[in-house]
Amino acid sequence: MATHTDGTNFPTAEKTNLNGNRASADFATADPHVAQRRPYDYGGNPLAHMATNDPSLSLPAFGGSFQPGLYRAPKSRLANPAPLGLSAFALTTFVLSLINLQTRGVTESNIVVGLALAYGGLVQLLAGMWEIAAGNTFGATALSSYGGFWIAFGFTLTPGFGIVTALGGAKAAHFNDSMGYFLMGWFIFTFILLLCTLRSTVAFFFLFFTLDMAFLLLAIGHLARNADGTLNISCIKGGGGFGMLAAFLAWYNALAGIADSTNSFFVIPVAHFPWSEKGRERRNKVDNSTARNDQSV
């Protein structure tokens, strides 16, 4: 137990470097104005619960920081941009998914243009750029790409670009096919990202799983049309349903990245898969505890 100069006792936490070696980090040497916590607080935010910028410290996967696997402690005091990008993605996806579900009979997606260009597009793209500064390759790739998706989607629906007009009327089938190709490409890209979350947290994985299913069903809805040339509404609504799930999961991960014991009465649980690094660490602790109990008998 370490003691600060003012007599306050702080715990000595264990850290794991990227080589798998364990050592102790005395939190008493940290900034006294920073709340002192263990880096692996239950279900908490590793970025918020850090009391040191030790570059040898290895943190587990965390959706709130858009990190799908073990990553080094942040070297700077820049704010975590992931919750901003996740929130921008979530709100824009939420509104479009309600329209895809034809909620209250709404079928026109023009209202999404402003959100797609400003919040889901520009703001999310900026969050992705800031992830580059934070050294998060996965977060930079995902947030920047989906920011580009929303900007492209907004441009497509903007009358001034004439995209819908040029492919409308007698060429409506061409527009639907083109939109289907567009969505299918994003399904493939999202599947690639999904593979990178298999060893992360449950909420992080299912965010990409539901988003991938949304892209797939929306693409099928545009490509596998009815005999009269209209969209396959069942697939469109199915895509809207998965889109709603993706939106709420994005908000969940964003909240996990924002809430900690300094600003909230609770922290958001972020369950790790059993085969993840964090799951293996917990199993090792249980095995070691069992072994010590057996030796003491």
C-alpha atoms as a PDB file:
ATOM      1  CA  MET A   1       0.000   0.000   0.000  1.00  0.00           C
ATOM      2  CA  ALA A   2       1.489   3.330  -1.024  1.00  0.00           C
ATOM      3  CA  THR A   3       1.061   6.474   1.055  1.00  0.00           C
ATOM      4  CA  HIS A   4       0.879   9.962  -0.443  1.00  0.00           C
ATOM      5  CA  THR A   5       2.555  12.911   1.240  1.00  0.00           C
ATOM      6  CA  ASP A   6      -0.803  14.050   2.632  1.00  0.00           C
ATOM      7  CA  GLY A   7      -1.276  10.721   4.390  1.00  0.00           C
ATOM      8  CA  THR A   8      -3.765   9.308   1.875  1.00  0.00           C
ATOM      9  CA  ASN A   9      -3.365   5.614   1.144  1.00  0.00           C
ATOM     10  CA  PHE A  10      -3.484   4.500  -2.465  1.00  0.00           C
ATOM     11  CA  PRO A  11      -3.448   0.904  -3.704  1.00  0.00           C
ATOM     12  CA  THR A  12      -0.543  -0.600  -5.510  1.00  0.00           C
ATOM     13  CA  ALA A  13      -1.864  -1.974  -8.793  1.00  0.00           C
ATOM     14  CA  GLU A  14      -0.288  -4.563 -10.956  1.00  0.00           C
ATOM     15  CA  LYS A  15       0.471  -3.834 -14.556  1.00  0.00           C
ATOM     16  CA  THR A  16       1.132  -6.097 -17.495  1.00  0.00           C
ATOM     17  CA  ASN A  17       3.577  -5.091 -20.173  1.00  0.00           C
ATOM     18  CA  LEU A  18       3.267  -6.256 -23.759  1.00  0.00           C
ATOM     19  CA  ASN A  19       5.795  -9.010 -23.162  1.00  0.00           C
ATOM     20  CA  GLY A  20       3.529 -10.618 -20.595  1.00  0.00           C
ATOM     21  CA  ASN A  21       5.723  -9.668 -17.611  1.00  0.00           C
ATOM     22  CA  ARG A  22       4.019  -8.421 -14.467  1.00  0.00           C
ATOM     23  CA  ALA A  23       5.316  -5.672 -12.218  1.00  0.00           C
ATOM     24  CA  SER A  24       3.886  -3.252  -9.693  1.00  0.00           C
ATOM     25  CA  ALA A  25       3.094   0.395 -10.335  1.00  0.00           C
ATOM     26  CA  ASP A  26       3.032   2.719  -7.348  1.00  0.00           C
ATOM     27  CA  PHE A  27       0.156   5.098  -7.964  1.00  0.00           C
ATOM     28  CA  ALA A  28       1.479   7.477  -5.342  1.00  0.00           C
ATOM     29  CA  THR A  29       3.863   8.890  -7.940  1.00  0.00           C
ATOM     30  CA  ALA A  30       0.973   9.980 -10.148  1.00  0.00           C
ATOM     31  CA  ASP A  31      -0.533  13.462 -10.287  1.00  0.00           C
ATOM     32  CA  PRO A  32      -2.233  14.044  -6.896  1.00  0.00           C
ATOM     33  CA  HIS A  33      -5.077  15.861  -8.670  1.00  0.00           C
ATOM     34  CA  VAL A  34      -5.938  12.764 -10.704  1.00  0.00           C
ATOM     35  CA  ALA A  35      -8.317  10.258  -9.125  1.00  0.00           C
ATOM     36  CA  GLN A  36      -6.385   7.135  -8.232  1.00  0.00           C
ATOM     37  CA  ARG A  37      -7.905   3.847  -9.391  1.00  0.00           C
ATOM     38  CA  ARG A  38      -6.934   0.433 -10.527  1.00  0.00           C
ATOM     39  CA  PRO A  39      -6.621   0.310 -14.332  1.00  0.00           C
ATOM     40  CA  TYR A  40      -8.975  -2.704 -14.470  1.00  0.00           C
ATOM     41  CA  ASP A  41     -11.858  -1.331 -12.439  1.00  0.00           C
ATOM     42  CA  TYR A  42     -14.970  -3.508 -12.857  1.00  0.00           C
ATOM     43  CA  GLY A  43     -16.551  -2.838 -16.208  1.00  0.00           C
ATOM     44  CA  GLY A  44     -14.947   0.575 -16.268  1.00  0.00           C
ATOM     45  CA  ASN A  45     -13.170   2.768 -18.744  1.00  0.00           C
ATOM     46  CA  PRO A  46      -9.441   2.000 -19.018  1.00  0.00           C
ATOM     47  CA  LEU A  47      -8.696   5.502 -20.279  1.00  0.00           C
ATOM     48  CA  ALA A  48     -10.543   7.159 -17.399  1.00  0.00           C
ATOM     49  CA  HIS A  49      -9.232   4.708 -14.816  1.00  0.00           C
ATOM     50  CA  MET A  50      -5.589   5.176 -15.734  1.00  0.00           C
ATOM     51  CA  ALA A  51      -3.400   6.899 -13.157  1.00  0.00           C
ATOM     52  CA  THR A  52      -0.208   6.602 -15.159  1.00  0.00           C
ATOM     53  CA  ASN A  53       0.931   7.018 -18.752  1.00  0.00           C
ATOM     54  CA  ASP A  54       3.426   4.182 -18.422  1.00  0.00           C
ATOM     55  CA  PRO A  55       3.988   3.029 -22.042  1.00  0.00           C
ATOM     56  CA  SER A  56       4.694  -0.540 -20.891  1.00  0.00           C
ATOM     57  CA  LEU A  57       1.182  -0.950 -19.471  1.00  0.00           C
ATOM     58  CA  SER A  58      -1.125  -3.168 -21.512  1.00  0.00           C
ATOM     59  CA  LEU A  59      -4.895  -2.607 -21.388  1.00  0.00           C
ATOM     60  CA  PRO A  60      -7.633  -5.045 -22.473  1.00  0.00           C
ATOM     61  CA  ALA A  61     -10.087  -4.574 -25.343  1.00  0.00           C
ATOM     62  CA  PHE A  62     -12.613  -1.820 -24.710  1.00  0.00           C
ATOM     63  CA  GLY A  63     -15.427  -0.593 -26.944  1.00  0.00           C
ATOM     64  CA  GLY A  64     -15.531   2.792 -25.237  1.00  0.00           C
ATOM     65  CA  SER A  65     -12.083   3.568 -26.650  1.00  0.00           C
ATOM     66  CA  PHE A  66     -12.691   1.619 -29.890  1.00  0.00           C
ATOM     67  CA  GLN A  67      -9.870  -0.789 -29.090  1.00  0.00           C
ATOM     68  CA  PRO A  68     -10.622  -4.407 -30.136  1.00  0.00           C
ATOM     69  CA  GLY A  69      -7.566  -5.945 -28.462  1.00  0.00           C
ATOM     70  CA  LEU A  70      -4.666  -5.318 -26.096  1.00  0.00           C
ATOM     71  CA  TYR A  71      -3.284  -1.814 -26.499  1.00  0.00           C
ATOM     72  CA  ARG A  72      -0.684   0.383 -24.898  1.00  0.00           C
ATOM     73  CA  ALA A  73      -1.573   3.047 -22.386  1.00  0.00           C
ATOM     74  CA  PRO A  74      -2.176   6.421 -24.051  1.00  0.00           C
ATOM     75  CA  LYS A  75       0.940   8.580 -24.106  1.00  0.00           C
ATOM     76  CA  SER A  76      -0.891  11.909 -24.205  1.00  0.00           C
ATOM     77  CA  ARG A  77      -3.629  13.571 -22.215  1.00  0.00           C
ATOM     78  CA  LEU A  78      -5.850  14.127 -25.249  1.00  0.00           C
ATOM     79  CA  ALA A  79      -9.516  13.348 -24.712  1.00  0.00           C
ATOM     80  CA  ASN A  80     -10.827   9.996 -25.903  1.00  0.00           C
ATOM     81  CA  PRO A  81     -12.406  10.684 -29.343  1.00  0.00           C
ATOM     82  CA  ALA A  82     -14.171   7.308 -29.617  1.00  0.00           C
ATOM     83  CA  PRO A  83     -17.393   8.247 -27.732  1.00  0.00           C
ATOM     84  CA  LEU A  84     -17.843  11.261 -30.024  1.00  0.00           C
ATOM     85  CA  GLY A  85     -17.506   9.145 -33.151  1.00  0.00           C
ATOM     86  CA  LEU A  86     -19.752   6.427 -31.742  1.00  0.00           C
ATOM     87  CA  SER A  87     -22.424   8.969 -30.794  1.00  0.00           C
ATOM     88  CA  ALA A  88     -22.343  10.563 -34.242  1.00  0.00           C
ATOM     89  CA  PHE A  89     -22.718   7.166 -35.861  1.00  0.00           C
ATOM     90  CA  ALA A  90     -25.462   6.091 -33.454  1.00  0.00           C
ATOM     91  CA  LEU A  91     -27.784   9.065 -33.886  1.00  0.00           C
ATOM     92  CA  THR A  92     -27.580   9.114 -37.685  1.00  0.00           C
ATOM     93  CA  THR A  93     -28.108   5.355 -37.873  1.00  0.00           C
ATOM     94  CA  PHE A  94     -31.020   5.599 -35.431  1.00  0.00           C
ATOM     95  CA  VAL A  95     -32.919   8.122 -37.565  1.00  0.00           C
ATOM     96  CA  LEU A  96     -32.307   6.299 -40.859  1.00  0.00           C
ATOM     97  CA  SER A  97     -33.300   2.970 -39.308  1.00  0.00           C
ATOM     98  CA  LEU A  98     -36.613   4.424 -38.130  1.00  0.00           C
ATOM     99  CA  ILE A  99     -37.288   5.471 -41.720  1.00  0.00           C
ATOM    100  CA  ASN A 100     -36.291   2.033 -43.043  1.00  0.00           C
ATOM    101  CA  LEU A 101     -38.776   0.555 -40.572  1.00  0.00           C
ATOM    102  CA  GLN A 102     -41.399   2.961 -41.985  1.00  0.00           C
ATOM    103  CA  THR A 103     -42.184   4.191 -38.481  1.00  0.00           C
ATOM    104  CA  ARG A 104     -45.454   6.173 -38.481  1.00  0.00           C
ATOM    105  CA  GLY A 105     -45.582   5.755 -42.257  1.00  0.00           C
ATOM    106  CA  VAL A 106     -42.419   7.785 -42.951  1.00  0.00           C
ATOM    107  CA  THR A 107     -40.559   6.465 -46.007  1.00  0.00           C
ATOM    108  CA  GLU A 108     -38.637   9.483 -47.366  1.00  0.00           C
ATOM    109  CA  SER A 109     -35.087   9.755 -46.044  1.00  0.00           C
ATOM    110  CA  ASN A 110     -34.449  13.427 -46.914  1.00  0.00           C
ATOM    111  CA  ILE A 111     -34.266  14.397 -43.229  1.00  0.00           C
ATOM    112  CA  VAL A 112     -31.155  12.237 -42.914  1.00  0.00           C
ATOM    113  CA  VAL A 113     -29.161  14.407 -45.347  1.00  0.00           C
ATOM    114  CA  GLY A 114     -28.279  17.060 -42.768  1.00  0.00           C
ATOM    115  CA  LEU A 115     -27.364  14.482 -40.134  1.00  0.00           C
ATOM    116  CA  ALA A 116     -25.366  12.415 -42.617  1.00  0.00           C
ATOM    117  CA  LEU A 117     -23.289  15.368 -43.806  1.00  0.00           C
ATOM    118  CA  ALA A 118     -22.755  17.199 -40.503  1.00  0.00           C
ATOM    119  CA  TYR A 119     -22.929  14.793 -37.559  1.00  0.00           C
ATOM    120  CA  GLY A 120     -22.599  11.257 -38.872  1.00  0.00           C
ATOM    121  CA  GLY A 121     -20.234  12.440 -41.606  1.00  0.00           C
ATOM    122  CA  LEU A 122     -18.038  15.389 -40.663  1.00  0.00           C
ATOM    123  CA  VAL A 123     -17.992  14.909 -36.884  1.00  0.00           C
ATOM    124  CA  GLN A 124     -17.340  11.175 -37.141  1.00  0.00           C
ATOM    125  CA  LEU A 125     -14.615  11.778 -39.715  1.00  0.00           C
ATOM    126  CA  LEU A 126     -12.934  14.233 -37.344  1.00  0.00           C
ATOM    127  CA  ALA A 127     -13.163  11.666 -34.536  1.00  0.00           C
ATOM    128  CA  GLY A 128     -11.408   9.204 -36.819  1.00  0.00           C
ATOM    129  CA  MET A 129      -8.638  11.715 -37.504  1.00  0.00           C
ATOM    130  CA  TRP A 130      -8.177  12.247 -33.775  1.00  0.00           C
ATOM    131  CA  GLU A 131      -7.932   8.475 -33.350  1.00  0.00           C
ATOM    132  CA  ILE A 132      -4.915   8.655 -35.648  1.00  0.00           C
ATOM    133  CA  ALA A 133      -3.343  11.138 -33.231  1.00  0.00           C
ATOM    134  CA  ALA A 134      -4.172   8.750 -30.380  1.00  0.00           C
ATOM    135  CA  GLY A 135      -2.405   5.913 -32.204  1.00  0.00           C
ATOM    136  CA  ASN A 136      -5.542   3.771 -32.567  1.00  0.00           C
ATOM    137  CA  THR A 137      -5.381   2.196 -36.027  1.00  0.00           C
ATOM    138  CA  PHE A 138      -8.664   0.304 -35.717  1.00  0.00           C
ATOM    139  CA  GLY A 139     -10.583   3.317 -34.410  1.00  0.00           C
ATOM    140  CA  ALA A 140      -9.121   5.587 -37.075  1.00  0.00           C
ATOM    141  CA  THR A 141     -10.012   3.154 -39.852  1.00  0.00           C
ATOM    142  CA  ALA A 142     -13.551   2.465 -38.643  1.00  0.00           C
ATOM    143  CA  LEU A 143     -14.646   5.964 -37.626  1.00  0.00           C
ATOM    144  CA  SER A 144     -13.075   7.699 -40.633  1.00  0.00           C
ATOM    145  CA  SER A 145     -14.560   5.160 -43.026  1.00  0.00           C
ATOM    146  CA  TYR A 146     -18.081   5.340 -41.614  1.00  0.00           C
ATOM    147  CA  GLY A 147     -17.799   9.115 -41.582  1.00  0.00           C
ATOM    148  CA  GLY A 148     -17.034   8.853 -45.284  1.00  0.00           C
ATOM    149  CA  PHE A 149     -20.003   6.517 -45.707  1.00  0.00           C
ATOM    150  CA  TRP A 150     -22.414   9.055 -44.259  1.00  0.00           C
ATOM    151  CA  ILE A 151     -20.962  11.902 -46.324  1.00  0.00           C
ATOM    152  CA  ALA A 152     -21.305   9.813 -49.490  1.00  0.00           C
ATOM    153  CA  PHE A 153     -24.855   8.826 -48.525  1.00  0.00           C
ATOM    154  CA  GLY A 154     -25.756  12.460 -47.878  1.00  0.00           C
ATOM    155  CA  PHE A 155     -24.327  13.565 -51.227  1.00  0.00           C
ATOM    156  CA  THR A 156     -26.306  10.829 -52.973  1.00  0.00           C
ATOM    157  CA  LEU A 157     -29.588  12.161 -51.580  1.00  0.00           C
ATOM    158  CA  THR A 158     -28.720  15.844 -52.143  1.00  0.00           C
ATOM    159  CA  PRO A 159     -30.779  17.118 -55.118  1.00  0.00           C
ATOM    160  CA  GLY A 160     -28.000  19.463 -56.227  1.00  0.00           C
ATOM    161  CA  PHE A 161     -25.788  16.535 -57.184  1.00  0.00           C
ATOM    162  CA  GLY A 162     -28.517  15.085 -59.410  1.00  0.00           C
ATOM    163  CA  ILE A 163     -27.658  11.477 -58.605  1.00  0.00           C
ATOM    164  CA  VAL A 164     -31.183  10.346 -57.771  1.00  0.00           C
ATOM    165  CA  THR A 165     -32.620  12.401 -60.653  1.00  0.00           C
ATOM    166  CA  ALA A 166     -30.185  10.957 -63.188  1.00  0.00           C
ATOM    167  CA  LEU A 167     -31.030   7.405 -62.168  1.00  0.00           C
ATOM    168  CA  GLY A 168     -34.722   7.954 -61.477  1.00  0.00           C
ATOM    169  CA  GLY A 169     -37.796   7.381 -63.580  1.00  0.00           C
ATOM    170  CA  ALA A 170     -37.140   4.787 -66.258  1.00  0.00           C
ATOM    171  CA  LYS A 171     -33.685   4.162 -64.773  1.00  0.00           C
ATOM    172  CA  ALA A 172     -34.958   3.479 -61.257  1.00  0.00           C
ATOM    173  CA  ALA A 173     -33.727  -0.099 -61.518  1.00  0.00           C
ATOM    174  CA  HIS A 174     -30.224   1.208 -62.208  1.00  0.00           C
ATOM    175  CA  PHE A 175     -30.350   3.382 -59.096  1.00  0.00           C
ATOM    176  CA  ASN A 176     -31.521   0.500 -56.908  1.00  0.00           C
ATOM    177  CA  ASP A 177     -28.848  -1.796 -58.324  1.00  0.00           C
ATOM    178  CA  SER A 178     -26.191   0.877 -57.776  1.00  0.00           C
ATOM    179  CA  MET A 179     -27.352   1.446 -54.199  1.00  0.00           C
ATOM    180  CA  GLY A 180     -27.286  -2.312 -53.657  1.00  0.00           C
ATOM    181  CA  TYR A 181     -23.669  -2.472 -54.853  1.00  0.00           C
ATOM    182  CA  PHE A 182     -22.821   0.464 -52.584  1.00  0.00           C
ATOM    183  CA  LEU A 183     -24.343  -1.231 -49.542  1.00  0.00           C
ATOM    184  CA  MET A 184     -22.812  -4.610 -50.389  1.00  0.00           C
ATOM    185  CA  GLY A 185     -19.368  -3.017 -50.433  1.00  0.00           C
ATOM    186  CA  TRP A 186     -19.958  -1.668 -46.943  1.00  0.00           C
ATOM    187  CA  PHE A 187     -21.157  -5.090 -45.835  1.00  0.00           C
ATOM    188  CA  ILE A 188     -17.803  -6.549 -46.908  1.00  0.00           C
ATOM    189  CA  PHE A 189     -15.833  -3.779 -45.198  1.00  0.00           C
ATOM    190  CA  THR A 190     -17.823  -4.146 -41.978  1.00  0.00           C
ATOM    191  CA  PHE A 191     -17.262  -7.911 -42.028  1.00  0.00           C
ATOM    192  CA  ILE A 192     -13.503  -7.272 -42.160  1.00  0.00           C
ATOM    193  CA  LEU A 193     -13.784  -5.064 -39.080  1.00  0.00           C
ATOM    194  CA  LEU A 194     -16.031  -7.642 -37.424  1.00  0.00           C
ATOM    195  CA  LEU A 195     -13.228 -10.196 -37.646  1.00  0.00           C
ATOM    196  CA  CYS A 196     -11.028  -7.839 -35.620  1.00  0.00           C
ATOM    197  CA  THR A 197     -13.529  -7.751 -32.736  1.00  0.00           C
ATOM    198  CA  LEU A 198     -13.708 -11.504 -32.101  1.00  0.00           C
ATOM    199  CA  ARG A 199     -11.382 -11.167 -29.101  1.00  0.00           C
ATOM    200  CA  SER A 200     -12.859  -7.957 -27.730  1.00  0.00           C
ATOM    201  CA  THR A 201     -15.983  -7.320 -25.648  1.00  0.00           C
ATOM    202  CA  VAL A 202     -19.493  -8.648 -26.224  1.00  0.00           C
ATOM    203  CA  ALA A 203     -21.020  -5.205 -26.846  1.00  0.00           C
ATOM    204  CA  PHE A 204     -18.196  -4.229 -29.201  1.00  0.00           C
ATOM    205  CA  PHE A 205     -18.543  -7.413 -31.245  1.00  0.00           C
ATOM    206  CA  PHE A 206     -22.323  -7.225 -31.521  1.00  0.00           C
ATOM    207  CA  LEU A 207     -22.127  -3.582 -32.606  1.00  0.00           C
ATOM    208  CA  PHE A 208     -20.325  -4.676 -35.760  1.00  0.00           C
ATOM    209  CA  PHE A 209     -22.370  -7.856 -36.131  1.00  0.00           C
ATOM    210  CA  THR A 210     -25.702  -6.011 -36.137  1.00  0.00           C
ATOM    211  CA  LEU A 211     -24.307  -3.307 -38.420  1.00  0.00           C
ATOM    212  CA  ASP A 212     -23.040  -5.947 -40.836  1.00  0.00           C
ATOM    213  CA  MET A 213     -26.446  -7.627 -40.907  1.00  0.00           C
ATOM    214  CA  ALA A 214     -28.085  -4.251 -41.527  1.00  0.00           C
ATOM    215  CA  PHE A 215     -25.871  -3.588 -44.557  1.00  0.00           C
ATOM    216  CA  LEU A 216     -26.491  -7.098 -45.898  1.00  0.00           C
ATOM    217  CA  LEU A 217     -30.283  -6.940 -45.610  1.00  0.00           C
ATOM    218  CA  LEU A 218     -30.463  -3.429 -47.047  1.00  0.00           C
ATOM    219  CA  ALA A 219     -28.301  -4.505 -49.985  1.00  0.00           C
ATOM    220  CA  ILE A 220     -30.533  -7.527 -50.606  1.00  0.00           C
ATOM    221  CA  GLY A 221     -33.599  -5.293 -50.350  1.00  0.00           C
ATOM    222  CA  HIS A 222     -32.270  -3.154 -53.212  1.00  0.00           C
ATOM    223  CA  LEU A 223     -30.947  -5.995 -55.369  1.00  0.00           C
ATOM    224  CA  ALA A 224     -33.597  -8.723 -54.870  1.00  0.00           C
ATOM    225  CA  ARG A 225     -36.568  -6.561 -55.774  1.00  0.00           C
ATOM    226  CA  ASN A 226     -40.174  -7.586 -56.264  1.00  0.00           C
ATOM    227  CA  ALA A 227     -41.570  -8.516 -59.676  1.00  0.00           C
ATOM    228  CA  ASP A 228     -42.957  -4.992 -60.134  1.00  0.00           C
ATOM    229  CA  GLY A 229     -39.521  -3.461 -59.505  1.00  0.00           C
ATOM    230  CA  THR A 230     -40.249  -2.172 -55.996  1.00  0.00           C
ATOM    231  CA  LEU A 231     -37.843  -2.733 -53.142  1.00  0.00           C
ATOM    232  CA  ASN A 232     -38.071  -5.849 -51.013  1.00  0.00           C
ATOM    233  CA  ILE A 233     -39.716  -4.177 -48.028  1.00  0.00           C
ATOM    234  CA  SER A 234     -39.227  -7.185 -45.749  1.00  0.00           C
ATOM    235  CA  CYS A 235     -35.451  -6.985 -46.186  1.00  0.00           C
ATOM    236  CA  ILE A 236     -35.457  -3.199 -45.876  1.00  0.00           C
ATOM    237  CA  LYS A 237     -37.367  -3.408 -42.599  1.00  0.00           C
ATOM    238  CA  GLY A 238     -35.073  -6.191 -41.411  1.00  0.00           C
ATOM    239  CA  GLY A 239     -32.105  -3.952 -42.151  1.00  0.00           C
ATOM    240  CA  GLY A 240     -33.824  -1.172 -40.252  1.00  0.00           C
ATOM    241  CA  GLY A 241     -34.273  -3.445 -37.242  1.00  0.00           C
ATOM    242  CA  PHE A 242     -30.609  -4.438 -37.177  1.00  0.00           C
ATOM    243  CA  GLY A 243     -29.696  -0.796 -37.715  1.00  0.00           C
ATOM    244  CA  MET A 244     -31.656   0.149 -34.599  1.00  0.00           C
ATOM    245  CA  LEU A 245     -29.761  -2.469 -32.600  1.00  0.00           C
ATOM    246  CA  ALA A 246     -26.457  -1.168 -33.975  1.00  0.00           C
ATOM    247  CA  ALA A 247     -27.391   2.391 -32.998  1.00  0.00           C
ATOM    248  CA  PHE A 248     -28.168   1.457 -29.398  1.00  0.00           C
ATOM    249  CA  LEU A 249     -25.029  -0.680 -29.141  1.00  0.00           C
ATOM    250  CA  ALA A 250     -22.977   2.261 -30.418  1.00  0.00           C
ATOM    251  CA  TRP A 251     -24.540   4.470 -27.738  1.00  0.00           C
ATOM    252  CA  TYR A 252     -23.839   1.766 -25.145  1.00  0.00           C
ATOM    253  CA  ASN A 253     -20.156   1.653 -26.069  1.00  0.00           C
ATOM    254  CA  ALA A 254     -20.020   5.450 -26.142  1.00  0.00           C
ATOM    255  CA  LEU A 255     -21.483   5.646 -22.635  1.00  0.00           C
ATOM    256  CA  ALA A 256     -18.949   3.069 -21.457  1.00  0.00           C
ATOM    257  CA  GLY A 257     -16.231   5.387 -22.730  1.00  0.00           C
ATOM    258  CA  ILE A 258     -17.667   8.456 -20.986  1.00  0.00           C
ATOM    259  CA  ALA A 259     -19.021   7.268 -17.630  1.00  0.00           C
ATOM    260  CA  ASP A 260     -16.665   6.611 -14.739  1.00  0.00           C
ATOM    261  CA  SER A 261     -16.740   7.118 -10.991  1.00  0.00           C
ATOM    262  CA  THR A 262     -15.871  10.807 -11.363  1.00  0.00           C
ATOM    263  CA  ASN A 263     -19.060  11.689 -13.245  1.00  0.00           C
ATOM    264  CA  SER A 264     -21.466   8.799 -12.732  1.00  0.00           C
ATOM    265  CA  PHE A 265     -22.907   6.714  -9.911  1.00  0.00           C
ATOM    266  CA  PHE A 266     -22.235   3.582 -11.958  1.00  0.00           C
ATOM    267  CA  VAL A 267     -19.876   2.271 -14.605  1.00  0.00           C
ATOM    268  CA  ILE A 268     -21.044   0.415 -17.687  1.00  0.00           C
ATOM    269  CA  PRO A 269     -20.344  -3.355 -17.653  1.00  0.00           C
ATOM    270  CA  VAL A 270     -18.238  -4.415 -20.628  1.00  0.00           C
ATOM    271  CA  ALA A 271     -18.190  -8.216 -20.613  1.00  0.00           C
ATOM    272  CA  HIS A 272     -15.164  -9.766 -22.292  1.00  0.00           C
ATOM    273  CA  PHE A 273     -15.318 -12.988 -24.259  1.00  0.00           C
ATOM    274  CA  PRO A 274     -13.848 -15.993 -22.391  1.00  0.00           C
ATOM    275  CA  TRP A 275     -11.197 -16.439 -25.086  1.00  0.00           C
ATOM    276  CA  SER A 276     -10.072 -12.790 -24.946  1.00  0.00           C
ATOM    277  CA  GLU A 277      -6.940 -11.626 -23.135  1.00  0.00           C
ATOM    278  CA  LYS A 278      -9.050 -10.278 -20.275  1.00  0.00           C
ATOM    279  CA  GLY A 279     -10.976 -13.552 -20.038  1.00  0.00           C
ATOM    280  CA  ARG A 280      -7.742 -15.521 -19.949  1.00  0.00           C
ATOM    281  CA  GLU A 281      -6.416 -13.227 -17.233  1.00  0.00           C
ATOM    282  CA  ARG A 282      -9.501 -13.884 -15.106  1.00  0.00           C
ATOM    283  CA  ARG A 283      -9.189 -17.649 -15.607  1.00  0.00           C
ATOM    284  CA  ASN A 284      -5.547 -17.503 -14.549  1.00  0.00           C
ATOM    285  CA  LYS A 285      -6.521 -15.625 -11.397  1.00  0.00           C
ATOM    286  CA  VAL A 286      -9.132 -18.267 -10.574  1.00  0.00           C
ATOM    287  CA  ASP A 287      -6.659 -21.081 -11.247  1.00  0.00           C
ATOM    288  CA  ASN A 288      -3.991 -19.426  -9.097  1.00  0.00           C
ATOM    289  CA  SER A 289      -6.482 -18.845  -6.291  1.00  0.00           C
ATOM    290  CA  THR A 290      -7.603 -22.475  -6.456  1.00  0.00           C
ATOM    291  CA  ALA A 291      -3.995 -23.664  -6.400  1.00  0.00           C
ATOM    292  CA  ARG A 292      -3.221 -21.547  -3.334  1.00  0.00           C
ATOM    293  CA  ASN A 293      -6.300 -22.889  -1.557  1.00  0.00           C
ATOM    294  CA  ASP A 294      -5.249 -26.458  -2.350  1.00  0.00           C
ATOM    295  CA  GLN A 295      -1.773 -25.803  -0.980  1.00  0.00           C
ATOM    296  CA  SER A 296      -3.151 -24.327   2.229  1.00  0.00           C
ATOM    297  CA  VAL A 297      -5.301 -27.406   2.907  1.00  0.00           C
END
